[in-house]
Protein backbone atom coordinates (compact mmCIF):
# COMPACT_ATOMS: atom_id res chain seq x y z
CA MET A 1 99.34 -83.92 -48.01
CA PRO A 2 96.70 -81.26 -49.03
CA LEU A 3 94.66 -81.44 -52.01
CA LEU A 4 95.94 -77.75 -52.79
CA SER A 5 98.85 -76.58 -51.08
CA PRO A 6 98.77 -72.90 -49.54
CA SER A 7 101.53 -71.68 -51.16
CA THR A 8 100.54 -71.51 -54.89
CA MET A 9 102.33 -69.80 -57.63
CA SER A 10 100.94 -69.13 -61.44
CA THR A 11 102.42 -70.05 -64.64
CA THR A 12 102.10 -70.94 -68.05
CA SER A 13 102.60 -74.39 -69.81
CA THR A 14 102.91 -74.72 -73.52
CA CYS A 15 100.78 -77.70 -74.56
CA LEU A 16 100.47 -79.12 -78.17
CA GLN A 17 96.75 -79.47 -79.58
CA LEU A 18 95.31 -83.03 -80.59
CA GLU A 19 95.46 -81.95 -84.29
CA GLU A 20 99.16 -82.98 -85.62
CA SER A 21 98.69 -80.48 -88.42
CA GLN A 22 98.78 -77.56 -85.86
CA LYS A 23 102.21 -76.04 -86.06
CA THR A 24 102.07 -73.03 -83.59
CA PRO A 25 101.33 -74.79 -80.05
CA THR A 26 98.80 -73.10 -77.50
CA THR A 27 99.93 -71.68 -74.24
CA PHE A 28 97.67 -72.51 -71.45
CA HIS A 29 96.86 -71.31 -68.00
CA GLN A 30 98.70 -73.70 -65.58
CA TYR A 31 99.86 -73.79 -61.64
CA LEU A 32 102.87 -75.14 -59.95
CA PHE A 33 102.61 -75.92 -56.51
CA SER A 34 105.04 -75.81 -53.65
CA GLU A 35 105.11 -76.51 -49.86
CA SER A 36 107.56 -78.08 -47.48
CA LEU A 37 105.06 -81.21 -47.23
CA SER A 38 104.89 -81.57 -51.19
CA ASP A 39 106.28 -80.36 -54.14
CA TYR A 40 104.19 -80.62 -57.38
CA SER A 41 105.80 -79.47 -60.42
CA ASN A 42 105.50 -79.84 -64.09
CA GLU A 43 107.84 -82.69 -63.82
CA SER A 44 106.88 -84.32 -60.54
CA ARG A 45 102.67 -84.82 -61.00
CA PHE A 46 100.19 -87.55 -60.02
CA GLU A 47 98.31 -89.06 -62.62
CA SER A 48 96.77 -92.23 -61.47
CA GLU A 49 95.77 -91.38 -57.60
CA PRO A 50 95.05 -87.60 -56.13
CA PRO A 51 97.20 -86.40 -53.10
CA SER A 52 96.17 -88.26 -50.03
CA PRO A 53 93.97 -85.43 -48.29
CA ARG A 54 95.17 -84.60 -44.55
CA SER A 55 92.01 -84.95 -42.52
CA GLU A 56 90.99 -81.59 -41.78
CA GLU A 57 91.23 -80.90 -45.83
CA SER A 58 89.28 -84.24 -46.72
CA ARG A 59 86.22 -82.18 -46.41
CA GLN A 60 84.78 -78.95 -48.40
CA ARG A 61 82.31 -76.05 -48.35
CA VAL A 62 79.25 -76.62 -50.38
CA LEU A 63 75.96 -74.98 -51.18
CA LEU A 64 73.33 -77.26 -50.49
CA LEU A 65 69.69 -76.98 -51.59
CA LYS A 66 67.75 -78.20 -48.87
CA GLY A 67 63.90 -77.36 -50.21
CA ALA A 68 61.98 -76.12 -53.26
CA ARG A 69 61.86 -72.40 -53.26
CA GLU A 70 64.21 -72.14 -50.46
CA GLN A 71 67.65 -69.88 -50.82
CA TYR A 72 70.87 -72.53 -51.02
CA ALA A 73 72.42 -72.79 -47.58
CA LEU A 74 75.99 -72.99 -46.83
CA VAL A 75 77.53 -76.20 -45.36
CA ASP A 76 81.02 -76.37 -44.17
CA ASP A 77 81.97 -79.97 -43.41
CA HIS A 78 80.51 -81.96 -46.88
CA ALA A 79 82.62 -84.57 -48.55
CA ILE A 80 85.02 -84.44 -51.46
CA PRO A 81 83.59 -85.63 -54.32
CA SER A 82 85.65 -89.10 -55.58
CA VAL A 83 86.54 -90.15 -59.02
CA LEU A 84 84.64 -93.00 -59.81
CA HIS A 85 84.57 -93.64 -63.24
CA GLU A 86 87.45 -94.18 -66.35
CA GLY A 87 88.28 -90.48 -67.86
CA GLU A 88 87.06 -88.66 -64.94
CA ILE A 89 89.21 -85.64 -63.34
CA LEU A 90 89.08 -84.00 -60.06
CA VAL A 91 89.06 -80.25 -60.19
CA LYS A 92 89.64 -77.30 -57.50
CA VAL A 93 86.64 -74.71 -58.49
CA LEU A 94 88.34 -71.44 -58.74
CA THR A 95 85.62 -69.42 -60.39
CA ILE A 96 81.88 -70.11 -60.83
CA GLY A 97 79.85 -68.72 -63.46
CA LEU A 98 76.32 -67.80 -62.71
CA ASN A 99 73.32 -69.11 -64.88
CA PRO A 100 69.38 -68.13 -64.82
CA VAL A 101 68.72 -71.68 -64.22
CA ASP A 102 70.73 -71.70 -60.76
CA TRP A 103 67.57 -69.43 -59.65
CA LYS A 104 64.97 -70.58 -61.86
CA GLY A 105 65.23 -74.35 -60.76
CA PRO A 106 65.07 -73.72 -57.17
CA ALA A 107 62.20 -71.19 -57.55
CA PHE A 108 59.87 -73.42 -59.78
CA ASN A 109 61.03 -76.72 -58.84
CA PHE A 110 62.81 -78.27 -61.81
CA GLY A 111 65.98 -79.80 -62.44
CA ILE A 112 66.35 -80.98 -59.15
CA PRO A 113 66.95 -84.63 -59.01
CA SER A 114 66.49 -85.08 -55.39
CA LEU A 115 66.78 -83.10 -52.13
CA PRO A 116 69.09 -82.02 -50.76
CA TRP A 117 71.02 -80.81 -53.81
CA ILE A 118 73.96 -79.03 -55.17
CA ASN A 119 73.36 -77.31 -58.21
CA GLY A 120 75.58 -74.88 -60.56
CA ARG A 121 76.59 -75.47 -64.29
CA ASP A 122 79.71 -73.65 -65.13
CA LEU A 123 82.76 -73.32 -63.22
CA ALA A 124 86.49 -73.09 -64.09
CA GLY A 125 89.43 -74.87 -62.14
CA LEU A 126 92.45 -76.25 -61.45
CA VAL A 127 93.03 -79.79 -62.41
CA LEU A 128 94.37 -81.76 -59.49
CA GLN A 129 93.56 -85.43 -60.83
CA VAL A 130 93.70 -86.92 -64.32
CA PRO A 131 93.03 -90.36 -65.50
CA LYS A 132 95.42 -93.11 -65.81
CA GLY A 133 96.95 -93.46 -69.43
CA SER A 134 96.65 -90.95 -72.14
CA SER A 135 94.90 -87.66 -71.78
CA ARG A 136 95.45 -84.65 -73.21
CA LEU A 137 94.53 -82.92 -69.69
CA ARG A 138 97.64 -82.32 -67.16
CA VAL A 139 97.84 -81.84 -63.20
CA GLY A 140 97.90 -78.40 -63.15
CA ASP A 141 95.95 -77.21 -66.05
CA VAL A 142 93.09 -74.46 -65.47
CA VAL A 143 90.19 -75.76 -67.44
CA LEU A 144 86.70 -74.50 -68.09
CA VAL A 145 83.82 -76.93 -67.26
CA PRO A 146 80.39 -76.99 -68.60
CA SER A 147 78.38 -79.34 -66.18
CA THR A 148 75.55 -80.64 -68.45
CA ASP A 149 75.02 -83.77 -66.38
CA TYR A 150 73.28 -81.80 -63.90
CA ARG A 151 71.81 -85.65 -62.28
CA ASP A 152 75.38 -86.28 -61.10
CA ILE A 153 75.96 -84.17 -57.87
CA ARG A 154 79.92 -84.77 -57.87
CA LYS A 155 79.64 -82.38 -61.28
CA ALA A 156 78.07 -79.58 -59.88
CA ALA A 157 79.82 -76.05 -59.63
CA PHE A 158 78.51 -74.41 -56.06
CA GLN A 159 81.14 -76.89 -54.24
CA GLU A 160 85.27 -76.27 -53.69
CA TYR A 161 86.16 -79.37 -55.68
CA ALA A 162 84.13 -81.20 -58.37
CA ILE A 163 84.28 -83.94 -60.86
CA ALA A 164 84.46 -83.60 -64.49
CA THR A 165 85.10 -85.93 -67.62
CA ASP A 166 88.20 -85.23 -69.32
CA PHE A 167 86.14 -84.83 -72.42
CA ASN A 168 84.02 -82.32 -71.41
CA ALA A 169 86.57 -79.94 -69.88
CA ALA A 170 88.54 -77.14 -71.71
CA ARG A 171 91.96 -76.01 -71.10
CA ILE A 172 91.84 -72.03 -71.02
CA PRO A 173 94.60 -70.34 -73.00
CA SER A 174 97.01 -68.23 -71.05
CA SER A 175 95.80 -65.26 -73.13
CA THR A 176 92.10 -65.48 -72.16
CA SER A 177 90.49 -64.37 -68.83
CA ILE A 178 89.72 -67.53 -66.57
CA HIS A 179 86.45 -65.50 -65.25
CA ALA A 180 85.17 -64.61 -68.60
CA SER A 181 85.80 -68.16 -69.46
CA ALA A 182 83.94 -69.63 -66.22
CA SER A 183 81.08 -67.89 -68.01
CA VAL A 184 80.80 -69.45 -71.29
CA GLY A 185 80.65 -73.04 -71.22
CA VAL A 186 77.23 -74.07 -71.03
CA ALA A 187 76.43 -71.24 -73.52
CA PHE A 188 79.00 -72.54 -75.86
CA VAL A 189 77.72 -76.04 -75.70
CA ALA A 190 73.94 -75.30 -76.67
CA ALA A 191 74.71 -73.07 -79.23
CA ALA A 192 77.36 -75.57 -81.05
CA LEU A 193 74.73 -78.22 -80.45
CA ALA A 194 71.89 -76.17 -81.75
CA LEU A 195 73.82 -75.15 -85.18
CA GLY A 196 75.85 -78.08 -85.73
CA VAL A 197 73.37 -81.08 -84.79
CA SER A 198 69.78 -79.63 -84.84
CA PHE A 199 70.47 -77.61 -87.69
CA GLY A 200 73.49 -79.73 -89.29
CA LEU A 201 75.62 -76.88 -89.88
CA ASP A 202 79.35 -77.99 -90.72
CA PHE A 203 81.76 -76.31 -88.44
CA SER A 204 84.57 -78.02 -90.38
CA LEU A 205 84.16 -75.62 -93.40
CA ILE A 206 84.62 -72.65 -91.51
CA THR A 207 88.20 -71.04 -92.60
CA GLN A 208 89.38 -68.73 -89.89
CA VAL A 209 89.37 -71.69 -86.77
CA PRO A 210 87.53 -74.80 -88.24
CA GLY A 211 85.25 -77.16 -85.79
CA PRO A 212 83.89 -80.28 -85.86
CA ASN A 213 81.24 -81.87 -88.77
CA LEU A 214 79.16 -83.09 -85.77
CA PRO A 215 76.86 -85.03 -88.11
CA ASN A 216 79.48 -87.00 -89.22
CA ILE A 217 80.81 -88.02 -85.77
CA ILE A 218 77.20 -88.53 -84.61
CA LYS A 219 76.76 -91.10 -87.39
CA LYS A 220 79.40 -93.11 -86.12
CA LEU A 221 77.79 -93.69 -82.86
CA ASP A 222 76.28 -96.56 -81.42
CA ARG A 223 72.61 -95.69 -80.60
CA ASN A 224 72.60 -97.68 -77.29
CA ASP A 225 75.19 -95.53 -76.09
CA ILE A 226 72.98 -92.25 -76.43
CA PRO A 227 70.05 -91.36 -74.21
CA ALA A 228 66.70 -92.26 -76.32
CA ASP A 229 65.29 -88.95 -75.48
CA ILE A 230 67.22 -87.38 -77.88
CA HIS A 231 67.91 -89.93 -80.74
CA GLU A 232 65.34 -88.34 -82.91
CA GLU A 233 67.36 -84.84 -82.54
CA CYS A 234 70.84 -86.62 -83.31
CA PHE A 235 69.91 -89.35 -85.47
CA ALA A 236 67.23 -87.91 -87.77
CA SER A 237 69.69 -86.59 -90.26
CA LEU A 238 68.47 -83.51 -92.49
CA LEU A 239 69.27 -84.01 -96.00
CA ASP A 240 71.97 -81.68 -97.44
CA SER A 241 69.10 -79.47 -98.80
CA GLU A 242 67.89 -78.64 -95.52
CA LYS A 243 70.99 -77.99 -93.88
CA PRO A 244 72.01 -74.00 -93.61
CA GLN A 245 74.33 -72.96 -96.51
CA ARG A 246 76.51 -69.60 -96.94
CA GLY A 247 74.65 -66.72 -96.96
CA ASP A 248 71.16 -67.95 -95.63
CA TRP A 249 69.79 -66.05 -92.87
CA VAL A 250 69.33 -67.32 -89.21
CA ALA A 251 67.23 -65.27 -86.50
CA ILE A 252 68.25 -65.59 -82.93
CA TRP A 253 65.70 -64.14 -80.49
CA GLY A 254 67.13 -63.15 -76.83
CA ALA A 255 70.49 -62.59 -78.81
CA SER A 256 72.04 -60.19 -76.23
CA THR A 257 71.93 -63.77 -73.83
CA THR A 258 75.30 -65.43 -73.26
CA THR A 259 74.00 -68.30 -75.31
CA GLY A 260 72.64 -65.95 -78.21
CA LEU A 261 75.90 -63.82 -78.53
CA ILE A 262 77.80 -67.40 -79.09
CA THR A 263 75.36 -68.60 -81.28
CA LEU A 264 75.66 -65.40 -83.40
CA GLN A 265 79.14 -65.69 -83.66
CA LEU A 266 79.39 -69.40 -84.41
CA ALA A 267 76.75 -68.72 -87.25
CA LYS A 268 78.91 -65.72 -88.41
CA LEU A 269 82.03 -67.67 -88.56
CA ALA A 270 80.05 -70.49 -90.79
CA GLY A 271 79.25 -67.69 -93.10
CA LEU A 272 75.57 -67.39 -92.14
CA ARG A 273 73.64 -63.79 -92.25
CA VAL A 274 72.36 -63.31 -88.30
CA ILE A 275 69.16 -61.46 -87.32
CA CYS A 276 69.38 -60.32 -83.94
CA VAL A 277 65.91 -59.84 -81.70
CA ALA A 278 66.95 -57.99 -78.55
CA ASP A 279 66.96 -54.52 -76.69
CA ALA A 280 68.62 -52.77 -79.18
CA ALA A 281 68.95 -49.46 -77.00
CA ARG A 282 70.73 -51.83 -74.24
CA HIS A 283 72.38 -54.38 -76.30
CA GLY A 284 72.63 -52.93 -79.89
CA GLY A 285 76.14 -51.71 -79.74
CA LYS A 286 77.70 -55.18 -78.56
CA LEU A 287 75.81 -57.15 -81.06
CA VAL A 288 76.60 -54.94 -83.80
CA LYS A 289 80.36 -55.34 -83.15
CA SER A 290 80.05 -58.97 -82.84
CA GLY A 291 78.86 -59.38 -86.47
CA ALA A 292 75.02 -58.97 -86.33
CA ASP A 293 73.61 -58.04 -89.69
CA LEU A 294 70.31 -56.90 -88.67
CA LEU A 295 69.32 -55.76 -85.06
CA VAL A 296 65.72 -55.90 -84.43
CA ASP A 297 64.35 -54.42 -81.35
CA ARG A 298 62.25 -56.89 -79.32
CA HIS A 299 59.99 -54.44 -77.53
CA ASP A 300 57.27 -54.50 -80.15
CA PRO A 301 57.06 -58.05 -81.24
CA ASP A 302 54.45 -57.89 -83.99
CA ARG A 303 56.86 -55.14 -85.64
CA ALA A 304 59.75 -57.35 -85.13
CA VAL A 305 58.28 -60.18 -86.80
CA GLU A 306 57.00 -57.57 -89.91
CA ILE A 307 60.68 -56.53 -90.19
CA ILE A 308 62.14 -59.89 -90.12
CA ARG A 309 59.61 -60.86 -92.83
CA GLY A 310 60.37 -57.98 -94.77
CA VAL A 311 64.07 -58.42 -94.93
CA THR A 312 64.09 -61.86 -95.43
CA GLU A 313 60.97 -61.77 -97.92
CA GLY A 314 59.21 -64.10 -96.21
CA LYS A 315 61.92 -66.92 -96.95
CA LEU A 316 63.59 -67.15 -93.45
CA ARG A 317 64.27 -71.08 -92.71
CA TYR A 318 66.22 -71.20 -89.62
CA ALA A 319 65.23 -69.63 -86.18
CA ILE A 320 66.30 -69.84 -82.62
CA ASP A 321 64.38 -68.88 -79.71
CA ILE A 322 66.32 -68.35 -76.50
CA VAL A 323 63.58 -66.46 -73.99
CA GLY A 324 60.66 -68.96 -73.87
CA ARG A 325 57.62 -70.32 -75.32
CA GLU A 326 55.52 -66.86 -76.13
CA THR A 327 58.69 -65.78 -78.13
CA ALA A 328 59.03 -68.86 -79.84
CA ILE A 329 55.20 -68.31 -80.97
CA GLN A 330 56.37 -64.91 -82.39
CA LEU A 331 59.41 -66.01 -83.97
CA GLU A 332 57.50 -69.03 -85.76
CA LYS A 333 55.56 -66.24 -87.55
CA ALA A 334 58.61 -65.22 -89.15
CA LEU A 335 59.41 -68.45 -90.90
CA ASN A 336 58.37 -69.56 -94.34
CA PRO A 337 56.34 -72.47 -93.83
CA ASP A 338 56.89 -74.57 -96.86
CA GLY A 339 58.00 -77.62 -95.19
CA HIS A 340 61.92 -76.53 -95.32
CA ALA A 341 61.91 -74.06 -91.84
CA HIS A 342 63.44 -74.93 -88.76
CA LEU A 343 62.84 -73.57 -85.44
CA LEU A 344 64.44 -74.55 -82.42
CA GLY A 345 63.50 -73.58 -78.65
CA LEU A 346 65.86 -73.52 -75.98
CA SER A 347 63.07 -72.62 -73.43
CA GLY A 348 60.17 -73.73 -74.74
CA LEU A 349 58.40 -74.14 -78.28
CA PRO A 350 54.52 -73.76 -79.53
CA LYS A 351 52.15 -75.89 -78.57
CA GLU A 352 50.30 -75.97 -81.78
CA LYS A 353 52.39 -76.79 -84.32
CA THR A 354 52.66 -75.34 -87.79
CA PRO A 355 52.36 -77.62 -90.76
CA GLY A 356 55.62 -76.85 -92.59
CA VAL A 357 57.90 -75.86 -89.60
CA GLN A 358 60.38 -78.68 -88.15
CA TYR A 359 60.73 -78.14 -84.57
CA HIS A 360 64.08 -78.69 -82.80
CA THR A 361 65.43 -78.93 -78.98
CA VAL A 362 68.99 -78.62 -78.08
CA PRO A 363 70.25 -82.09 -77.40
CA ILE A 364 72.55 -81.10 -74.48
CA LYS A 365 72.94 -84.76 -73.35
CA LEU A 366 75.06 -85.72 -76.12
CA PHE A 367 77.83 -83.37 -74.89
CA HIS A 368 78.18 -85.65 -71.83
CA THR A 369 77.27 -89.05 -73.38
CA ALA A 370 79.46 -89.11 -76.09
CA PRO A 371 82.91 -88.84 -75.64
CA THR A 372 83.73 -87.94 -79.39
CA VAL A 373 81.43 -85.14 -79.62
CA GLY A 374 82.47 -83.86 -76.04
CA GLU A 375 85.93 -83.63 -76.91
CA ALA A 376 85.75 -82.31 -80.69
CA MET A 377 83.58 -79.68 -79.07
CA VAL A 378 85.86 -78.39 -75.83
CA CYS A 379 89.13 -78.82 -78.42
CA TRP A 380 87.36 -76.21 -80.90
CA LEU A 381 86.46 -74.10 -77.79
CA GLU A 382 90.08 -74.15 -76.99
CA ASP A 383 91.01 -72.74 -80.64
CA LEU A 384 88.45 -70.28 -80.27
CA LEU A 385 89.28 -68.98 -77.29
CA GLN A 386 93.07 -68.82 -78.43
CA SER A 387 91.95 -67.00 -81.57
CA THR A 388 90.43 -63.54 -81.61
CA ASN A 389 87.56 -65.14 -83.58
CA LEU A 390 85.47 -65.57 -80.28
CA THR A 391 84.22 -62.46 -77.89
CA LEU A 392 83.21 -63.64 -74.41
CA PRO A 393 80.21 -62.11 -72.48
CA GLU A 394 80.87 -59.01 -70.24
CA ILE A 395 81.29 -59.86 -66.85
CA VAL A 396 80.47 -58.73 -63.18
CA HIS A 397 82.05 -60.01 -60.15
CA ALA A 398 79.92 -60.73 -57.36
CA GLU A 399 81.79 -60.85 -53.95
CA GLY A 400 81.79 -63.23 -50.95
CA GLY A 401 82.40 -66.24 -52.71
CA LEU A 402 79.86 -69.06 -51.82
CA GLU A 403 78.44 -67.28 -49.12
CA GLY A 404 77.62 -64.43 -51.75
CA ILE A 405 75.79 -66.85 -54.37
CA ASN A 406 72.08 -66.18 -52.96
CA ALA A 407 72.61 -62.42 -53.25
CA ALA A 408 74.25 -62.84 -57.11
CA LEU A 409 71.26 -64.69 -57.90
CA GLU A 410 68.91 -62.29 -56.57
CA THR A 411 70.68 -59.71 -58.81
CA LEU A 412 70.73 -62.17 -61.74
CA ARG A 413 66.85 -62.70 -61.29
CA SER A 414 66.27 -58.62 -61.14
CA GLY A 415 67.58 -58.37 -64.64
CA SER A 416 69.77 -55.43 -63.69
CA VAL A 417 72.62 -57.60 -65.29
CA SER A 418 70.92 -58.19 -68.71
CA GLY A 419 73.44 -58.80 -71.13
CA LYS A 420 76.38 -59.59 -68.99
CA ARG A 421 77.44 -62.64 -66.65
CA ILE A 422 77.76 -62.98 -62.79
CA VAL A 423 80.92 -64.77 -61.93
CA VAL A 424 82.06 -65.71 -58.06
CA ASP A 425 85.72 -66.52 -57.02
CA LEU A 426 86.19 -69.02 -54.50
CA GLY A 427 90.04 -68.54 -53.82
CA SER A 428 93.04 -66.40 -54.20
CA ALA A 429 94.05 -68.89 -56.74
CA SER A 430 91.92 -67.28 -59.32
CA ARG A 431 92.94 -64.51 -61.45
């Protein structure tokens, strides 16, 4: 029996969300399978064991990184990853979303645990196997998976089949593009953790699409279950007076990036006022439509700082940099160093610390090491995708499947698709 039969028919399935209080069910993308040798349907599905693959279909194609500063190499005969732990699912990869780290890692030799290695952080795909017992996922669901657990090669996106944990997979509503969904996973995780954990923003107070109160969830976790290097960020509870309140300003440097765009929208939903620093000519229209309260052009950094300080009257307390250490240094200058300012850097922080400023990084490992946190986040993402409150990034389709990823990464590296996300299709089942 093949892992995915050649005759695949798309359909939708109405599935109830976890919250019993939700009255209107959400409709998600789902696939039915039909073939002379097998008949997978909504009524007949495997939940404990995957289909037994025919010998010629027990292998897959992958992109392997064989050396630092090299291009990825296509390998046609690589083992399909196996489910090894409770709560894991097997996914047939339909679409891959490319991230800057996909080219920066090999180019600068970081984020590569060993060689050869498989990379790729964002994917959307078809669920082929779900855990035994209860799970909100079903075989045939189409899900997006942010692969934040990059040290587990089974979970990488640059392959035809991948493993994920069920609490890290978000079902894609039938009203939402699979391609756009494949581009947003890691960006959403970073944005939600930055605002909800590092800054302590309570998403449950949002009226349109309430989210989780992540600080309260974290309080119930066993510290021993969380990696030690993120303890301080997760458990150093901010006083209520330190947490953002409705009407407070937050500045985002690099707002045109996908992470910036999602951060902007989550902050607006929570009632914050948002300053977006970006290339105003290229990306201003998109950012204003997405809710930016103030748009500041990035080309004159010193002037940008002056504008931010002027508009906020020197009282800015919250800032997020998505670009790098140099822009984080600039953004730091816009903060009010009164002992209650917070600067978060996704790609670096100033080496010299300023008294009165608290520095933060995104505790990304929390998403895949704490099931209650991960599931709360992906369930909220499902709700956001179903609603009209989250605008996804503009996407660019790259041709060639796995073979085309090297060329697509060169395009990404060139900066010619700034503010957009490149996605790659791996099969005809994607739509």
